[in-house]
Amino acid sequence: MHERRRGKVRVAVLFGGQSSEHDVSLRSAETVMGALDPDRYEVVPVGITREGRWLTGGDPFAALTATSPLFALDDGSTGEPALDLSAEPAERAVPALFSAGIDVVFPVLHGPMGEDGTVQGFLELTGVPYVGAGVLGSALSMDKAMTKTILAQEGLPQAPWRLITRKEWERDPDACTEWAGEILSWPCFVKPANMGSSVGVVKAHDPSEFPAAMREACRFDRRILIEKAIDARELEISVLGNDEPIASIVGEVVPSNEFYDYNAKYVDENSELLVPAPIDRSTMAEIQEMAIAAFRALDLAGMARIDFFMDRNSDHIYINEVNTIPGFTAISMYPRLWQGSGMPLDELVDRLVGLALERSLERRRTV
């Protein structure tokens, strides 16, 4: 185990994980660890393998990136592990890790088994402060259908949507296809309810494409969201804070593909990110107000990136999705939007650590 360096805040950065966003998590962790001021923070890297085993000694980051396609593209590696580190199950690794004295945990785990309340629940049991939303906010925001249900209660406008379970689809795919067309019309998006980075998302242009889209989404979840496709601009905003959140300026994504899918986000790098978005001040203010309302409605904390659609024909604004552990890669919108708002990356991660400690103190006031 690591020994504490005198006077520094000890930050355990969790990365990797079991979701299909494992590789994106490594990119995000690289950015976060590089932004934590070494004069103020001692970084304790903690890797989680795709199988759910924990790496807490040696160089977990090197071990996981050695087998990551996103990093293999950079260095021409063969995909063979660079280090032979012992990977332990969580029940053995975690007690040893936290007995060594961690001051705060910075989870950079995207998707299920990291962003969905599971890790947050475990961290609540340890009593160690952690960056980001708690169990409730994480679980609600990870499930797109539950997010939309809560936001509808707040009167926030959304594109028409419905939910289909995997069992319903397998029982009668023809009826589901007909129902989707009648309720939403074509085209529509088909999305796993619990997934991020556009993994498993397919645009079905007509009934003939709907079955393949459903089969792809069903690989990732048992609850499938179908949503009316709107001819829209894609706008994003970053929120920071606990009980008194603030919103960044708004950015716009101009995807290289038909929509902002996984390849457009992380692989081909041809998408344009416009910071700030070319919109008027009143629209900017409207989106900022809606983003803060959504942040509070879902009981979020620390950080969130909230995505919107702006109808190209009517300029009507729709809230789309909420991300409680947004991407922190070099090209990710969350840090770029704060940079465009006057907050550089090192200050941003410093604020996030401070918010985690603040929230922990607030929790201790509750009897």
Protein backbone atom coordinates (compact mmCIF):
# COMPACT_ATOMS: atom_id res chain seq x y z
CA MET A 1 0.00 0.00 0.00
CA HIS A 2 1.01 3.59 -0.55
CA GLU A 3 2.39 5.74 2.27
CA ARG A 4 0.94 9.20 2.80
CA ARG A 5 3.09 12.14 1.77
CA ARG A 6 3.06 14.78 4.48
CA GLY A 7 0.49 17.56 4.13
CA LYS A 8 -1.13 16.34 0.90
CA VAL A 9 -4.72 15.33 0.30
CA ARG A 10 -4.79 11.68 -0.69
CA VAL A 11 -7.07 11.16 -3.70
CA ALA A 12 -7.91 7.67 -4.95
CA VAL A 13 -8.85 7.84 -8.64
CA LEU A 14 -10.99 4.89 -9.74
CA PHE A 15 -10.89 3.98 -13.43
CA GLY A 16 -11.53 1.15 -15.87
CA GLY A 17 -14.51 -0.87 -14.71
CA GLN A 18 -16.77 -3.54 -16.11
CA SER A 19 -18.93 -1.50 -18.49
CA SER A 20 -18.47 -1.14 -22.22
CA GLU A 21 -17.11 2.35 -21.47
CA HIS A 22 -13.99 0.89 -19.85
CA ASP A 23 -11.65 2.41 -22.43
CA VAL A 24 -13.24 5.87 -22.24
CA SER A 25 -12.78 5.74 -18.47
CA LEU A 26 -9.03 5.27 -18.94
CA ARG A 27 -8.86 8.36 -21.15
CA SER A 28 -10.82 10.37 -18.57
CA ALA A 29 -8.65 9.16 -15.69
CA GLU A 30 -5.51 10.14 -17.57
CA THR A 31 -6.82 13.71 -17.79
CA VAL A 32 -7.99 13.88 -14.16
CA MET A 33 -4.77 12.48 -12.71
CA GLY A 34 -2.71 14.84 -14.83
CA ALA A 35 -4.76 17.84 -13.63
CA LEU A 36 -4.45 17.16 -9.88
CA ASP A 37 -1.74 19.48 -8.56
CA PRO A 38 1.12 17.25 -7.26
CA ASP A 39 2.03 19.91 -4.70
CA ARG A 40 -1.42 19.57 -3.10
CA TYR A 41 -2.59 16.07 -3.91
CA GLU A 42 -1.18 12.57 -3.70
CA VAL A 43 -2.87 10.51 -6.40
CA VAL A 44 -3.55 6.85 -5.63
CA PRO A 45 -4.52 5.18 -8.93
CA VAL A 46 -6.97 2.29 -8.58
CA GLY A 47 -7.74 0.26 -11.68
CA ILE A 48 -10.73 -2.05 -12.09
CA THR A 49 -10.45 -4.72 -14.75
CA ARG A 50 -13.19 -5.62 -17.20
CA GLU A 51 -13.84 -8.67 -15.01
CA GLY A 52 -14.34 -6.52 -11.89
CA ARG A 53 -11.05 -7.24 -10.16
CA TRP A 54 -9.16 -4.40 -8.48
CA LEU A 55 -5.57 -3.31 -9.10
CA THR A 56 -4.25 -1.21 -6.21
CA GLY A 57 -0.48 -1.69 -6.36
CA GLY A 58 2.27 -1.08 -8.90
CA ASP A 59 1.01 0.85 -11.94
CA PRO A 60 -2.67 -0.03 -12.52
CA PHE A 61 -3.01 2.59 -15.25
CA ALA A 62 -0.19 1.11 -17.33
CA ALA A 63 -1.60 -2.37 -16.82
CA LEU A 64 -5.06 -1.47 -18.11
CA THR A 65 -4.01 0.83 -20.94
CA ALA A 66 -1.73 -1.90 -22.31
CA THR A 67 -4.81 -3.83 -23.40
CA SER A 68 -6.98 -0.86 -24.39
CA PRO A 69 -7.59 -0.26 -28.11
CA LEU A 70 -7.86 3.50 -27.53
CA PHE A 71 -4.30 3.51 -26.20
CA ALA A 72 -2.89 0.84 -28.49
CA LEU A 73 -3.65 3.17 -31.38
CA ASP A 74 -1.29 5.70 -29.84
CA ASP A 75 1.80 3.60 -29.25
CA GLY A 76 1.50 0.67 -31.63
CA SER A 77 1.45 -1.83 -28.78
CA THR A 78 0.44 -5.41 -29.40
CA GLY A 79 -2.29 -5.50 -26.79
CA GLU A 80 -0.26 -7.69 -24.42
CA PRO A 81 -0.23 -6.61 -20.75
CA ALA A 82 2.82 -4.51 -19.95
CA LEU A 83 2.79 -5.47 -16.28
CA ASP A 84 1.97 -8.62 -14.41
CA LEU A 85 -0.01 -7.13 -11.51
CA SER A 86 -2.07 -9.21 -9.14
CA ALA A 87 -5.76 -8.43 -9.54
CA GLU A 88 -7.82 -8.96 -6.42
CA PRO A 89 -11.55 -9.20 -5.87
CA ALA A 90 -13.09 -6.07 -4.38
CA GLU A 91 -13.81 -7.72 -1.02
CA ARG A 92 -10.07 -8.16 -0.43
CA ALA A 93 -8.61 -5.14 -2.21
CA VAL A 94 -10.94 -2.48 -0.89
CA PRO A 95 -10.43 -2.91 2.88
CA ALA A 96 -6.66 -2.79 2.39
CA LEU A 97 -6.94 0.29 0.19
CA PHE A 98 -9.09 2.31 2.56
CA SER A 99 -7.23 1.26 5.70
CA ALA A 100 -4.23 3.05 4.15
CA GLY A 101 -5.93 6.41 4.65
CA ILE A 102 -7.75 7.83 1.63
CA ASP A 103 -9.07 11.37 2.06
CA VAL A 104 -11.36 11.47 -0.98
CA VAL A 105 -12.27 9.21 -3.90
CA PHE A 106 -12.58 10.52 -7.46
CA PRO A 107 -14.60 7.92 -9.44
CA VAL A 108 -13.97 8.16 -13.18
CA LEU A 109 -16.07 5.09 -13.99
CA HIS A 110 -18.51 5.61 -16.86
CA GLY A 111 -21.64 3.53 -17.29
CA PRO A 112 -23.01 0.58 -15.29
CA MET A 113 -21.09 -0.65 -12.23
CA GLY A 114 -19.57 2.78 -11.70
CA GLU A 115 -21.89 5.64 -12.62
CA ASP A 116 -25.16 3.99 -11.62
CA GLY A 117 -25.07 4.17 -7.82
CA THR A 118 -23.35 0.83 -7.22
CA VAL A 119 -19.89 2.24 -6.44
CA GLN A 120 -21.50 5.25 -4.75
CA GLY A 121 -23.37 2.93 -2.37
CA PHE A 122 -20.18 1.13 -1.52
CA LEU A 123 -18.39 4.44 -0.89
CA GLU A 124 -21.22 5.54 1.39
CA LEU A 125 -20.55 2.44 3.50
CA THR A 126 -16.86 3.27 3.77
CA GLY A 127 -17.64 6.79 4.92
CA VAL A 128 -14.95 8.23 2.62
CA PRO A 129 -15.90 11.45 0.75
CA TYR A 130 -16.26 11.01 -3.00
CA VAL A 131 -16.66 13.24 -6.04
CA GLY A 132 -20.01 13.37 -7.78
CA ALA A 133 -23.64 12.46 -7.19
CA GLY A 134 -24.83 10.12 -4.46
CA VAL A 135 -26.66 6.82 -4.77
CA LEU A 136 -30.08 8.23 -5.66
CA GLY A 137 -28.94 10.81 -8.19
CA SER A 138 -26.50 8.40 -9.82
CA ALA A 139 -29.07 5.62 -10.17
CA LEU A 140 -31.81 7.91 -11.49
CA SER A 141 -29.55 9.63 -14.00
CA MET A 142 -28.03 6.39 -15.30
CA ASP A 143 -31.46 5.08 -16.25
CA LYS A 144 -32.66 7.22 -19.14
CA ALA A 145 -36.32 6.30 -18.61
CA MET A 146 -36.25 7.19 -14.92
CA THR A 147 -34.43 10.43 -15.70
CA LYS A 148 -37.13 11.39 -18.20
CA THR A 149 -39.88 10.47 -15.74
CA ILE A 150 -38.44 12.74 -13.03
CA LEU A 151 -37.77 15.61 -15.45
CA ALA A 152 -41.31 15.36 -16.81
CA GLN A 153 -42.54 15.90 -13.24
CA GLU A 154 -40.60 19.17 -13.27
CA GLY A 155 -42.24 20.23 -16.53
CA LEU A 156 -38.98 20.13 -18.50
CA PRO A 157 -39.68 19.58 -22.23
CA GLN A 158 -38.52 16.34 -23.84
CA ALA A 159 -38.85 14.53 -27.14
CA PRO A 160 -41.65 11.92 -27.17
CA TRP A 161 -40.41 8.56 -25.86
CA ARG A 162 -41.55 5.13 -24.71
CA LEU A 163 -40.00 2.11 -22.98
CA ILE A 164 -39.88 -1.49 -24.24
CA THR A 165 -38.48 -4.32 -22.12
CA ARG A 166 -36.36 -7.05 -23.65
CA LYS A 167 -39.01 -9.63 -22.65
CA GLU A 168 -41.73 -7.66 -24.45
CA TRP A 169 -39.57 -7.47 -27.56
CA GLU A 170 -38.73 -11.17 -27.55
CA ARG A 171 -42.37 -12.09 -26.95
CA ASP A 172 -43.77 -10.16 -29.94
CA PRO A 173 -41.29 -8.14 -32.04
CA ASP A 174 -43.82 -7.43 -34.80
CA ALA A 175 -46.27 -5.86 -32.35
CA CYS A 176 -43.49 -3.76 -30.78
CA THR A 177 -42.37 -2.52 -34.20
CA GLU A 178 -45.92 -1.58 -35.18
CA TRP A 179 -46.51 0.10 -31.81
CA ALA A 180 -43.27 2.13 -32.09
CA GLY A 181 -44.27 3.42 -35.52
CA GLU A 182 -47.78 4.36 -34.42
CA ILE A 183 -46.66 6.13 -31.23
CA LEU A 184 -43.46 7.85 -32.38
CA SER A 185 -43.38 7.53 -36.18
CA TRP A 186 -40.12 7.17 -38.09
CA PRO A 187 -37.24 7.74 -37.72
CA CYS A 188 -36.62 7.04 -34.04
CA PHE A 189 -33.66 6.35 -31.78
CA VAL A 190 -33.32 3.03 -29.97
CA LYS A 191 -31.21 3.20 -26.80
CA PRO A 192 -30.30 0.93 -23.90
CA ALA A 193 -31.82 2.64 -20.85
CA ASN A 194 -28.66 2.17 -18.76
CA MET A 195 -25.65 3.02 -20.90
CA GLY A 196 -23.57 6.03 -21.86
CA SER A 197 -21.20 7.24 -24.58
CA SER A 198 -23.92 6.35 -27.12
CA VAL A 199 -23.02 2.66 -26.75
CA GLY A 200 -25.77 0.50 -28.26
CA VAL A 201 -27.65 3.51 -29.67
CA VAL A 202 -29.05 3.02 -33.18
CA LYS A 203 -31.18 5.27 -35.36
CA ALA A 204 -33.98 3.31 -37.03
CA HIS A 205 -35.11 5.17 -40.14
CA ASP A 206 -38.06 2.88 -40.91
CA PRO A 207 -39.73 -0.36 -39.70
CA SER A 208 -37.23 -2.53 -41.58
CA GLU A 209 -34.34 -1.17 -39.48
CA PHE A 210 -36.12 -1.37 -36.14
CA PRO A 211 -35.51 -5.09 -35.37
CA ALA A 212 -31.73 -4.82 -35.84
CA ALA A 213 -31.70 -1.67 -33.69
CA MET A 214 -33.60 -3.45 -30.94
CA ARG A 215 -31.32 -6.48 -31.06
CA GLU A 216 -28.28 -4.21 -30.68
CA ALA A 217 -29.77 -2.28 -27.76
CA CYS A 218 -30.90 -5.50 -26.05
CA ARG A 219 -27.27 -6.63 -25.90
CA PHE A 220 -26.64 -3.90 -23.31
CA ASP A 221 -29.81 -3.72 -21.22
CA ARG A 222 -33.19 -5.29 -20.49
CA ARG A 223 -34.93 -1.89 -20.69
CA ILE A 224 -34.90 -0.18 -24.08
CA LEU A 225 -35.81 3.44 -24.65
CA ILE A 226 -37.27 4.43 -28.00
CA GLU A 227 -37.35 8.14 -28.73
CA LYS A 228 -38.67 10.23 -31.59
CA ALA A 229 -35.82 11.55 -33.75
CA ILE A 230 -35.90 15.32 -34.01
CA ASP A 231 -34.07 17.30 -36.67
CA ALA A 232 -32.10 19.19 -34.09
CA ARG A 233 -28.84 20.83 -33.11
CA GLU A 234 -27.09 19.06 -30.24
CA LEU A 235 -26.26 21.38 -27.35
CA GLU A 236 -24.44 20.53 -24.12
CA ILE A 237 -23.86 22.32 -20.83
CA SER A 238 -21.81 21.60 -17.71
CA VAL A 239 -23.10 22.02 -14.16
CA LEU A 240 -20.92 22.29 -11.04
CA GLY A 241 -21.85 22.46 -7.37
CA ASN A 242 -23.86 20.88 -4.58
CA ASP A 243 -26.91 22.67 -3.18
CA GLU A 244 -26.10 25.87 -5.09
CA PRO A 245 -25.04 24.66 -8.57
CA ILE A 246 -23.77 26.90 -11.33
CA ALA A 247 -23.93 26.34 -15.09
CA SER A 248 -21.25 26.89 -17.71
CA ILE A 249 -21.72 28.43 -21.11
CA VAL A 250 -23.45 26.23 -23.69
CA GLY A 251 -21.53 24.29 -26.34
CA GLU A 252 -22.67 22.70 -29.58
CA VAL A 253 -21.68 19.34 -31.04
CA VAL A 254 -21.57 19.05 -34.83
CA PRO A 255 -21.16 15.27 -35.22
CA SER A 256 -19.09 13.74 -37.97
CA ASN A 257 -21.65 10.93 -38.29
CA GLU A 258 -25.42 11.11 -38.61
CA PHE A 259 -25.58 11.51 -34.83
CA TYR A 260 -23.02 11.81 -32.03
CA ASP A 261 -22.26 8.10 -31.62
CA TYR A 262 -19.30 6.36 -29.95
CA ASN A 263 -17.03 6.62 -33.00
CA ALA A 264 -17.81 10.30 -33.47
CA LYS A 265 -16.99 10.93 -29.79
CA TYR A 266 -13.80 8.93 -29.34
CA VAL A 267 -12.41 7.41 -32.53
CA ASP A 268 -12.56 9.46 -35.74
CA GLU A 269 -12.12 12.88 -34.05
CA ASN A 270 -13.81 14.68 -36.96
CA SER A 271 -16.75 16.01 -34.96
CA GLU A 272 -16.74 19.75 -34.25
CA LEU A 273 -17.19 21.05 -30.71
CA LEU A 274 -18.25 24.71 -30.76
CA VAL A 275 -17.54 26.54 -27.49
CA PRO A 276 -19.54 28.66 -27.03
CA ALA A 277 -22.46 27.52 -29.14
CA PRO A 278 -23.64 30.06 -31.75
CA ILE A 279 -26.94 30.83 -29.99
CA ASP A 280 -28.43 34.05 -28.64
CA ARG A 281 -28.18 35.12 -25.01
CA SER A 282 -31.80 34.37 -24.17
CA THR A 283 -31.47 30.78 -25.43
CA MET A 284 -28.23 30.41 -23.48
CA ALA A 285 -29.96 31.63 -20.31
CA GLU A 286 -32.95 29.33 -20.90
CA ILE A 287 -30.71 26.26 -21.21
CA GLN A 288 -28.69 27.24 -18.13
CA GLU A 289 -31.89 27.59 -16.11
CA MET A 290 -33.22 24.23 -17.33
CA ALA A 291 -29.90 22.51 -16.60
CA ILE A 292 -29.83 23.73 -13.01
CA ALA A 293 -33.48 22.72 -12.55
CA ALA A 294 -32.66 19.20 -13.79
CA PHE A 295 -29.57 19.00 -11.54
CA ARG A 296 -31.67 19.84 -8.50
CA ALA A 297 -34.62 17.63 -9.47
CA LEU A 298 -32.36 14.57 -9.67
CA ASP A 299 -30.57 15.48 -6.39
CA LEU A 300 -27.18 15.64 -8.08
CA ALA A 301 -23.91 16.82 -6.58
CA GLY A 302 -20.45 17.76 -7.78
CA MET A 303 -20.79 17.60 -11.52
CA ALA A 304 -23.06 16.76 -14.41
CA ARG A 305 -23.13 17.33 -18.16
CA ILE A 306 -26.64 17.84 -19.46
CA ASP A 307 -27.48 17.43 -23.14
CA PHE A 308 -30.18 19.27 -25.07
CA PHE A 309 -31.75 19.31 -28.51
CA MET A 310 -32.70 22.51 -30.33
CA ASP A 311 -35.27 21.91 -33.07
CA ARG A 312 -33.87 23.32 -36.33
CA ASN A 313 -37.32 24.36 -37.52
CA SER A 314 -38.88 25.86 -34.39
CA ASP A 315 -35.81 26.55 -32.17
CA HIS A 316 -37.71 24.73 -29.40
CA ILE A 317 -35.42 23.37 -26.66
CA TYR A 318 -35.70 19.79 -25.40
CA ILE A 319 -33.68 18.25 -22.57
CA ASN A 320 -32.17 14.94 -23.67
CA GLU A 321 -29.85 13.21 -21.18
CA VAL A 322 -27.99 13.75 -17.91
CA ASN A 323 -24.47 12.42 -17.28
CA THR A 324 -23.26 12.34 -13.67
CA ILE A 325 -19.69 11.24 -14.50
CA PRO A 326 -19.17 12.93 -17.87
CA GLY A 327 -16.18 12.27 -20.05
CA PHE A 328 -12.96 13.96 -18.97
CA THR A 329 -10.91 13.17 -22.05
CA ALA A 330 -8.82 15.83 -23.78
CA ILE A 331 -11.71 16.52 -26.18
CA SER A 332 -14.62 16.08 -23.75
CA MET A 333 -17.22 18.81 -23.47
CA TYR A 334 -17.47 18.94 -19.67
CA PRO A 335 -13.99 20.37 -19.02
CA ARG A 336 -13.97 22.32 -22.30
CA LEU A 337 -17.15 24.15 -21.38
CA TRP A 338 -15.70 25.18 -18.03
CA GLN A 339 -12.48 26.26 -19.69
CA GLY A 340 -14.58 28.39 -22.04
CA SER A 341 -16.34 29.80 -18.95
CA GLY A 342 -13.01 30.88 -17.45
CA MET A 343 -12.24 27.86 -15.26
CA PRO A 344 -9.10 25.92 -16.30
CA LEU A 345 -8.86 22.16 -15.82
CA ASP A 346 -6.67 22.21 -12.70
CA GLU A 347 -9.07 24.61 -10.97
CA LEU A 348 -12.04 22.46 -12.05
CA VAL A 349 -10.72 19.23 -10.52
CA ASP A 350 -9.70 21.17 -7.41
CA ARG A 351 -13.27 22.48 -7.10
CA LEU A 352 -14.66 18.97 -7.53
CA VAL A 353 -12.50 17.59 -4.72
CA GLY A 354 -13.56 20.51 -2.53
CA LEU A 355 -17.24 19.88 -3.29
CA ALA A 356 -16.81 16.22 -2.29
CA LEU A 357 -15.36 17.23 1.07
CA GLU A 358 -18.07 19.87 1.53
CA ARG A 359 -20.82 17.34 0.85
CA SER A 360 -19.27 14.87 3.29
CA LEU A 361 -19.32 17.50 6.05
CA GLU A 362 -22.95 18.32 5.25
CA ARG A 363 -23.91 14.63 5.53
CA ARG A 364 -22.34 14.44 8.97
CA ARG A 365 -24.72 17.11 10.23
CA THR A 366 -27.60 14.66 9.82
CA VAL A 367 -28.42 12.71 12.98
